[in-house]
């Protein structure tokens, strides 16, 4: 049953990305930091190889996953998924730097629109 649900969610994501791309929207997936019980539950129930990696492959979209970038790790996450204000500010700066390296055009497009 879980595989059927995951397949349906993936199909919805693929269709949504295709619509966005058809409208000229640039898509980049981001997996923000989590810790504690959320990490354990995610690894157990939704391992990257079966979810995140498949999502990127099927949509043809790049992604930034916090586990792949040291500067996106080590944040104080009191509720396992929500950052404090100062930590969110620090993460935003770090995430911008990662995105600029992973997908420089994404950052340039945003700057050109301002």
PDB file of N, CA and C in Angstrom:
ATOM      1  N   UNK A   1       0.814  -1.201   0.000  1.00  0.00           N
ATOM      2  CA  UNK A   1       0.000   0.000   0.000  1.00  0.00           C
ATOM      3  C   UNK A   1       0.861   1.270   0.000  1.00  0.00           C
ATOM      4  N   UNK A   2       1.942   1.259   0.790  1.00  0.00           N
ATOM      5  CA  UNK A   2       2.808   2.431   0.848  1.00  0.00           C
ATOM      6  C   UNK A   2       3.442   2.702  -0.508  1.00  0.00           C
ATOM      7  N   UNK A   3       3.866   1.661  -1.199  1.00  0.00           N
ATOM      8  CA  UNK A   3       4.479   1.847  -2.517  1.00  0.00           C
ATOM      9  C   UNK A   3       3.496   2.478  -3.488  1.00  0.00           C
ATOM     10  N   UNK A   4       2.238   2.083  -3.406  1.00  0.00           N
ATOM     11  CA  UNK A   4       1.210   2.660  -4.279  1.00  0.00           C
ATOM     12  C   UNK A   4       1.032   4.148  -3.992  1.00  0.00           C
ATOM     13  N   UNK A   5       1.006   4.511  -2.714  1.00  0.00           N
ATOM     14  CA  UNK A   5       0.887   5.917  -2.336  1.00  0.00           C
ATOM     15  C   UNK A   5       2.082   6.736  -2.780  1.00  0.00           C
ATOM     16  N   UNK A   6       3.278   6.168  -2.622  1.00  0.00           N
ATOM     17  CA  UNK A   6       4.495   6.871  -3.051  1.00  0.00           C
ATOM     18  C   UNK A   6       4.492   7.064  -4.557  1.00  0.00           C
ATOM     19  N   UNK A   7       4.055   6.056  -5.296  1.00  0.00           N
ATOM     20  CA  UNK A   7       4.009   6.159  -6.753  1.00  0.00           C
ATOM     21  C   UNK A   7       3.034   7.244  -7.183  1.00  0.00           C
ATOM     22  N   UNK A   8       1.898   7.335  -6.493  1.00  0.00           N
ATOM     23  CA  UNK A   8       0.912   8.363  -6.818  1.00  0.00           C
ATOM     24  C   UNK A   8       1.465   9.760  -6.523  1.00  0.00           C
ATOM     25  N   UNK A   9       2.137   9.919  -5.390  1.00  0.00           N
ATOM     26  CA  UNK A   9       2.729  11.216  -5.046  1.00  0.00           C
ATOM     27  C   UNK A   9       3.806  11.603  -6.049  1.00  0.00           C
ATOM     28  N   UNK A  10       4.607  10.641  -6.444  1.00  0.00           N
ATOM     29  CA  UNK A  10       5.661  10.908  -7.419  1.00  0.00           C
ATOM     30  C   UNK A  10       5.059  11.332  -8.755  1.00  0.00           C
ATOM     31  N   UNK A  11       4.027  10.649  -9.184  1.00  0.00           N
ATOM     32  CA  UNK A  11       3.369  11.005 -10.444  1.00  0.00           C
ATOM     33  C   UNK A  11       2.813  12.426 -10.377  1.00  0.00           C
ATOM     34  N   UNK A  12       2.239  12.807  -9.231  1.00  0.00           N
ATOM     35  CA  UNK A  12       1.734  14.167  -9.063  1.00  0.00           C
ATOM     36  C   UNK A  12       2.863  15.185  -9.131  1.00  0.00           C
ATOM     37  N   UNK A  13       3.987  14.867  -8.506  1.00  0.00           N
ATOM     38  CA  UNK A  13       5.134  15.777  -8.527  1.00  0.00           C
ATOM     39  C   UNK A  13       5.680  15.936  -9.940  1.00  0.00           C
ATOM     40  N   UNK A  14       5.805  14.839 -10.655  1.00  0.00           N
ATOM     41  CA  UNK A  14       6.304  14.889 -12.034  1.00  0.00           C
ATOM     42  C   UNK A  14       5.386  15.754 -12.893  1.00  0.00           C
ATOM     43  N   UNK A  15       4.080  15.551 -12.763  1.00  0.00           N
ATOM     44  CA  UNK A  15       3.119  16.340 -13.542  1.00  0.00           C
ATOM     45  C   UNK A  15       3.200  17.818 -13.180  1.00  0.00           C
ATOM     46  N   UNK A  16       3.329  18.119 -11.899  1.00  0.00           N
ATOM     47  CA  UNK A  16       3.420  19.517 -11.467  1.00  0.00           C
ATOM     48  C   UNK A  16       4.680  20.181 -12.010  1.00  0.00           C
ATOM     49  N   UNK A  17       5.804  19.477 -11.949  1.00  0.00           N
ATOM     50  CA  UNK A  17       7.061  20.033 -12.457  1.00  0.00           C
ATOM     51  C   UNK A  17       6.969  20.257 -13.964  1.00  0.00           C
ATOM     52  N   UNK A  18       6.365  19.324 -14.674  1.00  0.00           N
ATOM     53  CA  UNK A  18       6.212  19.496 -16.124  1.00  0.00           C
ATOM     54  C   UNK A  18       5.391  20.746 -16.444  1.00  0.00           C
ATOM     55  N   UNK A  19       4.308  20.975 -15.695  1.00  0.00           N
ATOM     56  CA  UNK A  19       3.487  22.168 -15.907  1.00  0.00           C
ATOM     57  C   UNK A  19       4.282  23.440 -15.613  1.00  0.00           C
ATOM     58  N   UNK A  20       5.022  23.414 -14.520  1.00  0.00           N
ATOM     59  CA  UNK A  20       5.829  24.587 -14.170  1.00  0.00           C
ATOM     60  C   UNK A  20       6.879  24.875 -15.234  1.00  0.00           C
ATOM     61  N   UNK A  21       7.571  23.835 -15.664  1.00  0.00           N
ATOM     62  CA  UNK A  21       8.600  24.020 -16.688  1.00  0.00           C
ATOM     63  C   UNK A  21       7.990  24.548 -17.985  1.00  0.00           C
ATOM     64  N   UNK A  22       6.806  24.060 -18.339  1.00  0.00           N
ATOM     65  CA  UNK A  22       6.128  24.515 -19.559  1.00  0.00           C
ATOM     66  C   UNK A  22       5.802  26.002 -19.487  1.00  0.00           C
ATOM     67  N   UNK A  23       5.662  26.514 -18.282  1.00  0.00           N
ATOM     68  CA  UNK A  23       5.379  27.940 -18.086  1.00  0.00           C
ATOM     69  C   UNK A  23       6.652  28.759 -17.904  1.00  0.00           C
ATOM     70  N   UNK A  24       7.798  28.109 -18.049  1.00  0.00           N
ATOM     71  CA  UNK A  24       9.066  28.814 -17.929  1.00  0.00           C
ATOM     72  C   UNK A  24       9.589  28.938 -16.515  1.00  0.00           C
ATOM     73  N   UNK A  25       9.013  28.199 -15.592  1.00  0.00           N
ATOM     74  CA  UNK A  25       9.440  28.260 -14.199  1.00  0.00           C
ATOM     75  C   UNK A  25      10.631  27.334 -13.995  1.00  0.00           C
ATOM     76  N   UNK A  26      11.645  27.827 -13.339  1.00  0.00           N
ATOM     77  CA  UNK A  26      12.817  27.024 -13.000  1.00  0.00           C
ATOM     78  C   UNK A  26      12.566  26.392 -11.635  1.00  0.00           C
ATOM     79  N   UNK A  27      12.725  25.086 -11.542  1.00  0.00           N
ATOM     80  CA  UNK A  27      12.423  24.361 -10.310  1.00  0.00           C
ATOM     81  C   UNK A  27      13.713  23.820  -9.702  1.00  0.00           C
ATOM     82  N   UNK A  28      13.810  23.935  -8.402  1.00  0.00           N
ATOM     83  CA  UNK A  28      14.919  23.378  -7.646  1.00  0.00           C
ATOM     84  C   UNK A  28      14.342  22.840  -6.338  1.00  0.00           C
ATOM     85  N   UNK A  29      14.537  21.559  -6.071  1.00  0.00           N
ATOM     86  CA  UNK A  29      14.045  20.976  -4.827  1.00  0.00           C
ATOM     87  C   UNK A  29      15.057  21.205  -3.717  1.00  0.00           C
ATOM     88  N   UNK A  30      14.557  21.480  -2.518  1.00  0.00           N
ATOM     89  CA  UNK A  30      15.414  21.684  -1.350  1.00  0.00           C
ATOM     90  C   UNK A  30      14.859  20.841  -0.197  1.00  0.00           C
ATOM     91  N   UNK A  31      15.733  20.053   0.426  1.00  0.00           N
ATOM     92  CA  UNK A  31      15.384  19.304   1.637  1.00  0.00           C
ATOM     93  C   UNK A  31      16.081  19.992   2.783  1.00  0.00           C
ATOM     94  N   UNK A  32      15.298  20.708   3.579  1.00  0.00           N
ATOM     95  CA  UNK A  32      15.842  21.480   4.692  1.00  0.00           C
ATOM     96  C   UNK A  32      16.238  20.569   5.851  1.00  0.00           C
ATOM     97  N   UNK A  33      17.068  21.064   6.750  1.00  0.00           N
ATOM     98  CA  UNK A  33      17.551  20.241   7.870  1.00  0.00           C
ATOM     99  C   UNK A  33      16.448  19.783   8.815  1.00  0.00           C
ATOM    100  N   UNK A  34      16.598  18.575   9.285  1.00  0.00           N
ATOM    101  CA  UNK A  34      15.789  18.005  10.356  1.00  0.00           C
ATOM    102  C   UNK A  34      16.741  17.256  11.278  1.00  0.00           C
ATOM    103  N   UNK A  35      16.266  16.871  12.439  1.00  0.00           N
ATOM    104  CA  UNK A  35      17.099  16.058  13.314  1.00  0.00           C
ATOM    105  C   UNK A  35      16.219  15.215  14.226  1.00  0.00           C
ATOM    106  N   UNK A  36      16.833  14.548  15.170  1.00  0.00           N
ATOM    107  CA  UNK A  36      16.109  13.756  16.151  1.00  0.00           C
ATOM    108  C   UNK A  36      15.248  12.669  15.538  1.00  0.00           C
ATOM    109  N   UNK A  37      14.066  12.525  16.096  1.00  0.00           N
ATOM    110  CA  UNK A  37      13.147  11.481  15.662  1.00  0.00           C
ATOM    111  C   UNK A  37      12.705  11.615  14.218  1.00  0.00           C
ATOM    112  N   UNK A  38      12.700  12.830  13.684  1.00  0.00           N
ATOM    113  CA  UNK A  38      12.309  13.013  12.288  1.00  0.00           C
ATOM    114  C   UNK A  38      13.302  12.345  11.339  1.00  0.00           C
ATOM    115  N   UNK A  39      14.571  12.464  11.641  1.00  0.00           N
ATOM    116  CA  UNK A  39      15.586  11.826  10.790  1.00  0.00           C
ATOM    117  C   UNK A  39      15.403  10.309  10.820  1.00  0.00           C
ATOM    118  N   UNK A  40      15.246   9.787  12.011  1.00  0.00           N
ATOM    119  CA  UNK A  40      15.082   8.333  12.151  1.00  0.00           C
ATOM    120  C   UNK A  40      13.838   7.848  11.415  1.00  0.00           C
ATOM    121  N   UNK A  41      12.728   8.536  11.576  1.00  0.00           N
ATOM    122  CA  UNK A  41      11.483   8.137  10.912  1.00  0.00           C
ATOM    123  C   UNK A  41      11.601   8.247   9.399  1.00  0.00           C
ATOM    124  N   UNK A  42      12.238   9.308   8.933  1.00  0.00           N
ATOM    125  CA  UNK A  42      12.395   9.493   7.490  1.00  0.00           C
ATOM    126  C   UNK A  42      13.289   8.413   6.896  1.00  0.00           C
ATOM    127  N   UNK A  43      14.380   8.121   7.550  1.00  0.00           N
ATOM    128  CA  UNK A  43      15.287   7.086   7.048  1.00  0.00           C
ATOM    129  C   UNK A  43      14.611   5.717   7.034  1.00  0.00           C
ATOM    130  N   UNK A  44      13.798   5.468   8.024  1.00  0.00           N
ATOM    131  CA  UNK A  44      13.117   4.178   8.120  1.00  0.00           C
ATOM    132  C   UNK A  44      11.952   4.085   7.120  1.00  0.00           C
ATOM    133  N   UNK A  45      11.133   5.106   7.052  1.00  0.00           N
ATOM    134  CA  UNK A  45       9.927   5.050   6.238  1.00  0.00           C
ATOM    135  C   UNK A  45      10.063   5.554   4.817  1.00  0.00           C
ATOM    136  N   UNK A  46      10.985   6.482   4.614  1.00  0.00           N
ATOM    137  CA  UNK A  46      11.135   7.112   3.300  1.00  0.00           C
ATOM    138  C   UNK A  46      12.603   7.291   2.953  1.00  0.00           C
ATOM    139  N   UNK A  47      13.331   6.207   2.799  1.00  0.00           N
ATOM    140  CA  UNK A  47      14.768   6.327   2.517  1.00  0.00           C
ATOM    141  C   UNK A  47      15.031   7.100   1.218  1.00  0.00           C
ATOM    142  N   UNK A  48      16.115   7.832   1.216  1.00  0.00           N
ATOM    143  CA  UNK A  48      16.469   8.682   0.068  1.00  0.00           C
ATOM    144  C   UNK A  48      16.488   7.928  -1.251  1.00  0.00           C
ATOM    145  N   UNK A  49      17.041   6.739  -1.249  1.00  0.00           N
ATOM    146  CA  UNK A  49      17.152   5.979  -2.496  1.00  0.00           C
ATOM    147  C   UNK A  49      15.781   5.696  -3.115  1.00  0.00           C
ATOM    148  N   UNK A  50      14.774   5.622  -2.280  1.00  0.00           N
ATOM    149  CA  UNK A  50      13.434   5.293  -2.761  1.00  0.00           C
ATOM    150  C   UNK A  50      12.554   6.529  -2.950  1.00  0.00           C
ATOM    151  N   UNK A  51      12.971   7.666  -2.421  1.00  0.00           N
ATOM    152  CA  UNK A  51      12.118   8.853  -2.477  1.00  0.00           C
ATOM    153  C   UNK A  51      12.838  10.036  -3.139  1.00  0.00           C
ATOM    154  N   UNK A  52      13.725  10.673  -2.413  1.00  0.00           N
ATOM    155  CA  UNK A  52      14.419  11.869  -2.908  1.00  0.00           C
ATOM    156  C   UNK A  52      15.141  11.606  -4.226  1.00  0.00           C
ATOM    157  N   UNK A  53      15.948  10.560  -4.263  1.00  0.00           N
ATOM    158  CA  UNK A  53      16.722  10.267  -5.469  1.00  0.00           C
ATOM    159  C   UNK A  53      15.808   9.986  -6.664  1.00  0.00           C
ATOM    160  N   UNK A  54      14.720   9.279  -6.417  1.00  0.00           N
ATOM    161  CA  UNK A  54      13.768   8.967  -7.483  1.00  0.00           C
ATOM    162  C   UNK A  54      13.054  10.238  -7.939  1.00  0.00           C
ATOM    163  N   UNK A  55      12.684  11.099  -6.993  1.00  0.00           N
ATOM    164  CA  UNK A  55      12.037  12.365  -7.333  1.00  0.00           C
ATOM    165  C   UNK A  55      12.910  13.181  -8.280  1.00  0.00           C
ATOM    166  N   UNK A  56      14.181  13.326  -7.949  1.00  0.00           N
ATOM    167  CA  UNK A  56      15.083  14.108  -8.803  1.00  0.00           C
ATOM    168  C   UNK A  56      15.257  13.454 -10.171  1.00  0.00           C
ATOM    169  N   UNK A  57      15.411  12.145 -10.186  1.00  0.00           N
ATOM    170  CA  UNK A  57      15.610  11.443 -11.456  1.00  0.00           C
ATOM    171  C   UNK A  57      14.377  11.550 -12.349  1.00  0.00           C
ATOM    172  N   UNK A  58      13.217  11.346 -11.788  1.00  0.00           N
ATOM    173  CA  UNK A  58      11.987  11.344 -12.584  1.00  0.00           C
ATOM    174  C   UNK A  58      11.583  12.736 -13.059  1.00  0.00           C
ATOM    175  N   UNK A  59      11.878  13.762 -12.276  1.00  0.00           N
ATOM    176  CA  UNK A  59      11.505  15.118 -12.675  1.00  0.00           C
ATOM    177  C   UNK A  59      12.590  15.789 -13.507  1.00  0.00           C
ATOM    178  N   UNK A  60      13.819  15.272 -13.422  1.00  0.00           N
ATOM    179  CA  UNK A  60      14.922  15.913 -14.123  1.00  0.00           C
ATOM    180  C   UNK A  60      15.327  17.232 -13.496  1.00  0.00           C
ATOM    181  N   UNK A  61      15.010  17.400 -12.221  1.00  0.00           N
ATOM    182  CA  UNK A  61      15.276  18.647 -11.507  1.00  0.00           C
ATOM    183  C   UNK A  61      16.436  18.432 -10.538  1.00  0.00           C
ATOM    184  N   UNK A  62      17.236  19.452 -10.360  1.00  0.00           N
ATOM    185  CA  UNK A  62      18.309  19.388  -9.370  1.00  0.00           C
ATOM    186  C   UNK A  62      17.732  19.567  -7.976  1.00  0.00           C
ATOM    187  N   UNK A  63      18.495  19.080  -7.006  1.00  0.00           N
ATOM    188  CA  UNK A  63      18.051  19.226  -5.639  1.00  0.00           C
ATOM    189  C   UNK A  63      19.199  19.514  -4.703  1.00  0.00           C
ATOM    190  N   UNK A  64      18.875  20.158  -3.599  1.00  0.00           N
ATOM    191  CA  UNK A  64      19.828  20.436  -2.533  1.00  0.00           C
ATOM    192  C   UNK A  64      19.291  19.731  -1.295  1.00  0.00           C
ATOM    193  N   UNK A  65      20.029  18.746  -0.819  1.00  0.00           N
ATOM    194  CA  UNK A  65      19.643  17.997   0.377  1.00  0.00           C
ATOM    195  C   UNK A  65      20.621  18.351   1.484  1.00  0.00           C
ATOM    196  N   UNK A  66      20.098  18.690   2.641  1.00  0.00           N
ATOM    197  CA  UNK A  66      20.954  19.153   3.731  1.00  0.00           C
ATOM    198  C   UNK A  66      22.044  18.154   4.101  1.00  0.00           C
ATOM    199  N   UNK A  67      21.799  16.875   3.920  1.00  0.00           N
ATOM    200  CA  UNK A  67      22.807  15.874   4.286  1.00  0.00           C
ATOM    201  C   UNK A  67      24.031  15.904   3.374  1.00  0.00           C
ATOM    202  N   UNK A  68      23.905  16.528   2.211  1.00  0.00           N
ATOM    203  CA  UNK A  68      24.997  16.558   1.239  1.00  0.00           C
ATOM    204  C   UNK A  68      25.915  17.767   1.391  1.00  0.00           C
ATOM    205  N   UNK A  69      25.570  18.688   2.271  1.00  0.00           N
ATOM    206  CA  UNK A  69      26.315  19.944   2.370  1.00  0.00           C
ATOM    207  C   UNK A  69      26.604  20.261   3.844  1.00  0.00           C
ATOM    208  N   UNK A  70      27.871  20.214   4.233  1.00  0.00           N
ATOM    209  CA  UNK A  70      28.220  20.465   5.639  1.00  0.00           C
ATOM    210  C   UNK A  70      27.665  21.783   6.185  1.00  0.00           C
ATOM    211  N   UNK A  71      27.607  22.813   5.348  1.00  0.00           N
ATOM    212  CA  UNK A  71      27.127  24.108   5.817  1.00  0.00           C
ATOM    213  C   UNK A  71      25.617  24.127   6.075  1.00  0.00           C
ATOM    214  N   UNK A  72      24.916  23.076   5.693  1.00  0.00           N
ATOM    215  CA  UNK A  72      23.483  22.965   5.966  1.00  0.00           C
ATOM    216  C   UNK A  72      23.211  22.022   7.136  1.00  0.00           C
ATOM    217  N   UNK A  73      24.261  21.710   7.874  1.00  0.00           N
ATOM    218  CA  UNK A  73      24.135  20.808   9.013  1.00  0.00           C
ATOM    219  C   UNK A  73      24.582  21.523  10.286  1.00  0.00           C
ATOM    220  N   UNK A  74      24.219  20.934  11.431  1.00  0.00           N
ATOM    221  CA  UNK A  74      24.675  21.451  12.709  1.00  0.00           C
ATOM    222  C   UNK A  74      23.843  22.583  13.272  1.00  0.00           C
ATOM    223  N   UNK A  75      22.623  22.716  12.830  1.00  0.00           N
ATOM    224  CA  UNK A  75      21.754  23.776  13.331  1.00  0.00           C
ATOM    225  C   UNK A  75      20.999  23.303  14.565  1.00  0.00           C
ATOM    226  N   UNK A  76      20.678  24.255  15.429  1.00  0.00           N
ATOM    227  CA  UNK A  76      19.837  23.945  16.574  1.00  0.00           C
ATOM    228  C   UNK A  76      18.397  23.878  16.066  1.00  0.00           C
ATOM    229  N   UNK A  77      17.801  22.703  16.199  1.00  0.00           N
ATOM    230  CA  UNK A  77      16.444  22.484  15.702  1.00  0.00           C
ATOM    231  C   UNK A  77      15.617  21.947  16.872  1.00  0.00           C
ATOM    232  N   UNK A  78      15.090  22.841  17.705  1.00  0.00           N
ATOM    233  CA  UNK A  78      14.465  22.427  18.953  1.00  0.00           C
ATOM    234  C   UNK A  78      13.279  21.476  18.787  1.00  0.00           C
ATOM    235  N   UNK A  79      12.541  21.597  17.729  1.00  0.00           N
ATOM    236  CA  UNK A  79      11.377  20.740  17.510  1.00  0.00           C
ATOM    237  C   UNK A  79      11.640  19.705  16.413  1.00  0.00           C
ATOM    238  N   UNK A  80      12.894  19.466  16.095  1.00  0.00           N
ATOM    239  CA  UNK A  80      13.343  18.492  15.096  1.00  0.00           C
ATOM    240  C   UNK A  80      13.119  18.938  13.652  1.00  0.00           C
ATOM    241  N   UNK A  81      12.283  19.954  13.404  1.00  0.00           N
ATOM    242  CA  UNK A  81      12.060  20.381  12.024  1.00  0.00           C
ATOM    243  C   UNK A  81      11.901  21.894  11.872  1.00  0.00           C
ATOM    244  N   UNK A  82      11.886  22.638  12.959  1.00  0.00           N
ATOM    245  CA  UNK A  82      11.727  24.085  12.886  1.00  0.00           C
ATOM    246  C   UNK A  82      12.912  24.769  13.555  1.00  0.00           C
ATOM    247  N   UNK A  83      13.486  25.710  12.842  1.00  0.00           N
ATOM    248  CA  UNK A  83      14.634  26.441  13.363  1.00  0.00           C
ATOM    249  C   UNK A  83      14.194  27.647  14.185  1.00  0.00           C
ATOM    250  N   UNK A  84      15.063  28.066  15.081  1.00  0.00           N
ATOM    251  CA  UNK A  84      14.842  29.335  15.776  1.00  0.00           C
ATOM    252  C   UNK A  84      15.101  30.459  14.776  1.00  0.00           C
ATOM    253  N   UNK A  85      14.678  31.666  15.096  1.00  0.00           N
ATOM    254  CA  UNK A  85      14.872  32.811  14.199  1.00  0.00           C
ATOM    255  C   UNK A  85      16.317  33.027  13.795  1.00  0.00           C
ATOM    256  N   UNK A  86      17.237  33.110  14.755  1.00  0.00           N
ATOM    257  CA  UNK A  86      18.640  33.306  14.387  1.00  0.00           C
ATOM    258  C   UNK A  86      19.202  32.143  13.549  1.00  0.00           C
ATOM    259  N   UNK A  87      18.793  30.938  13.864  1.00  0.00           N
ATOM    260  CA  UNK A  87      19.266  29.784  13.092  1.00  0.00           C
ATOM    261  C   UNK A  87      18.692  29.807  11.675  1.00  0.00           C
ATOM    262  N   UNK A  88      17.453  30.245  11.539  1.00  0.00           N
ATOM    263  CA  UNK A  88      16.847  30.357  10.210  1.00  0.00           C
ATOM    264  C   UNK A  88      17.597  31.383   9.365  1.00  0.00           C
ATOM    265  N   UNK A  89      17.994  32.487   9.991  1.00  0.00           N
ATOM    266  CA  UNK A  89      18.769  33.503   9.270  1.00  0.00           C
ATOM    267  C   UNK A  89      20.108  32.926   8.810  1.00  0.00           C
ATOM    268  N   UNK A  90      20.760  32.203   9.702  1.00  0.00           N
ATOM    269  CA  UNK A  90      22.047  31.594   9.370  1.00  0.00           C
ATOM    270  C   UNK A  90      21.897  30.560   8.258  1.00  0.00           C
ATOM    271  N   UNK A  91      20.832  29.756   8.330  1.00  0.00           N
ATOM    272  CA  UNK A  91      20.578  28.749   7.291  1.00  0.00           C
ATOM    273  C   UNK A  91      20.306  29.410   5.945  1.00  0.00           C
ATOM    274  N   UNK A  92      19.570  30.504   5.952  1.00  0.00           N
ATOM    275  CA  UNK A  92      19.247  31.192   4.701  1.00  0.00           C
ATOM    276  C   UNK A  92      20.511  31.632   3.974  1.00  0.00           C
ATOM    277  N   UNK A  93      21.448  32.183   4.699  1.00  0.00           N
ATOM    278  CA  UNK A  93      22.713  32.620   4.097  1.00  0.00           C
ATOM    279  C   UNK A  93      23.472  31.411   3.544  1.00  0.00           C
ATOM    280  N   UNK A  94      23.543  30.348   4.321  1.00  0.00           N
ATOM    281  CA  UNK A  94      24.247  29.142   3.882  1.00  0.00           C
ATOM    282  C   UNK A  94      23.560  28.510   2.678  1.00  0.00           C
ATOM    283  N   UNK A  95      22.239  28.461   2.705  1.00  0.00           N
ATOM    284  CA  UNK A  95      21.491  27.856   1.596  1.00  0.00           C
ATOM    285  C   UNK A  95      21.692  28.643   0.313  1.00  0.00           C
ATOM    286  N   UNK A  96      21.713  29.949   0.411  1.00  0.00           N
ATOM    287  CA  UNK A  96      21.960  30.769  -0.778  1.00  0.00           C
ATOM    288  C   UNK A  96      23.307  30.413  -1.393  1.00  0.00           C
ATOM    289  N   UNK A  97      24.313  30.265  -0.558  1.00  0.00           N
ATOM    290  CA  UNK A  97      25.633  29.898  -1.072  1.00  0.00           C
ATOM    291  C   UNK A  97      25.634  28.532  -1.738  1.00  0.00           C
ATOM    292  N   UNK A  98      24.941  27.573  -1.155  1.00  0.00           N
ATOM    293  CA  UNK A  98      24.867  26.230  -1.747  1.00  0.00           C
ATOM    294  C   UNK A  98      24.139  26.285  -3.083  1.00  0.00           C
ATOM    295  N   UNK A  99      23.012  26.965  -3.112  1.00  0.00           N
ATOM    296  CA  UNK A  99      22.252  27.055  -4.368  1.00  0.00           C
ATOM    297  C   UNK A  99      23.075  27.754  -5.443  1.00  0.00           C
ATOM    298  N   UNK A 100      23.816  28.778  -5.068  1.00  0.00           N
ATOM    299  CA  UNK A 100      24.655  29.486  -6.037  1.00  0.00           C
ATOM    300  C   UNK A 100      25.699  28.561  -6.654  1.00  0.00           C
ATOM    301  N   UNK A 101      26.181  27.592  -5.868  1.00  0.00           N
ATOM    302  CA  UNK A 101      27.150  26.626  -6.403  1.00  0.00           C
ATOM    303  C   UNK A 101      26.470  25.534  -7.221  1.00  0.00           C
ATOM    304  N   UNK A 102      25.359  25.019  -6.724  1.00  0.00           N
ATOM    305  CA  UNK A 102      24.669  23.894  -7.362  1.00  0.00           C
ATOM    306  C   UNK A 102      23.988  24.323  -8.653  1.00  0.00           C
ATOM    307  N   UNK A 103      23.381  25.488  -8.637  1.00  0.00           N
ATOM    308  CA  UNK A 103      22.598  25.964  -9.780  1.00  0.00           C
ATOM    309  C   UNK A 103      22.764  27.472  -9.921  1.00  0.00           C
ATOM    310  N   UNK A 104      23.917  27.927 -10.400  1.00  0.00           N
ATOM    311  CA  UNK A 104      24.190  29.371 -10.468  1.00  0.00           C
ATOM    312  C   UNK A 104      23.124  30.157 -11.223  1.00  0.00           C
ATOM    313  N   UNK A 105      22.558  29.565 -12.244  1.00  0.00           N
ATOM    314  CA  UNK A 105      21.526  30.258 -13.009  1.00  0.00           C
ATOM    315  C   UNK A 105      20.299  30.570 -12.181  1.00  0.00           C
ATOM    316  N   UNK A 106      20.004  29.733 -11.211  1.00  0.00           N
ATOM    317  CA  UNK A 106      18.845  29.946 -10.344  1.00  0.00           C
ATOM    318  C   UNK A 106      19.011  31.247  -9.566  1.00  0.00           C
ATOM    319  N   UNK A 107      20.190  31.479  -9.046  1.00  0.00           N
ATOM    320  CA  UNK A 107      20.467  32.688  -8.275  1.00  0.00           C
ATOM    321  C   UNK A 107      20.489  33.905  -9.186  1.00  0.00           C
ATOM    322  N   UNK A 108      21.105  33.788 -10.354  1.00  0.00           N
ATOM    323  CA  UNK A 108      21.162  34.922 -11.294  1.00  0.00           C
ATOM    324  C   UNK A 108      19.775  35.322 -11.769  1.00  0.00           C
ATOM    325  N   UNK A 109      18.915  34.335 -12.047  1.00  0.00           N
ATOM    326  CA  UNK A 109      17.555  34.654 -12.499  1.00  0.00           C
ATOM    327  C   UNK A 109      16.819  35.455 -11.447  1.00  0.00           C
ATOM    328  N   UNK A 110      16.924  35.043 -10.185  1.00  0.00           N
ATOM    329  CA  UNK A 110      16.246  35.752  -9.100  1.00  0.00           C
ATOM    330  C   UNK A 110      16.723  37.188  -8.973  1.00  0.00           C
ATOM    331  N   UNK A 111      18.017  37.394  -9.118  1.00  0.00           N
ATOM    332  CA  UNK A 111      18.584  38.739  -8.995  1.00  0.00           C
ATOM    333  C   UNK A 111      18.113  39.621 -10.145  1.00  0.00           C
ATOM    334  N   UNK A 112      18.007  39.041 -11.336  1.00  0.00           N
ATOM    335  CA  UNK A 112      17.589  39.813 -12.508  1.00  0.00           C
ATOM    336  C   UNK A 112      16.142  40.256 -12.399  1.00  0.00           C
ATOM    337  N   UNK A 113      15.322  39.514 -11.653  1.00  0.00           N
ATOM    338  CA  UNK A 113      13.904  39.831 -11.531  1.00  0.00           C
ATOM    339  C   UNK A 113      13.656  40.918 -10.489  1.00  0.00           C
ATOM    340  N   UNK A 114      14.634  41.186  -9.630  1.00  0.00           N
ATOM    341  CA  UNK A 114      14.414  42.194  -8.564  1.00  0.00           C
ATOM    342  C   UNK A 114      14.526  43.584  -9.094  1.00  0.00           C
TER     343      UNK A 114
END
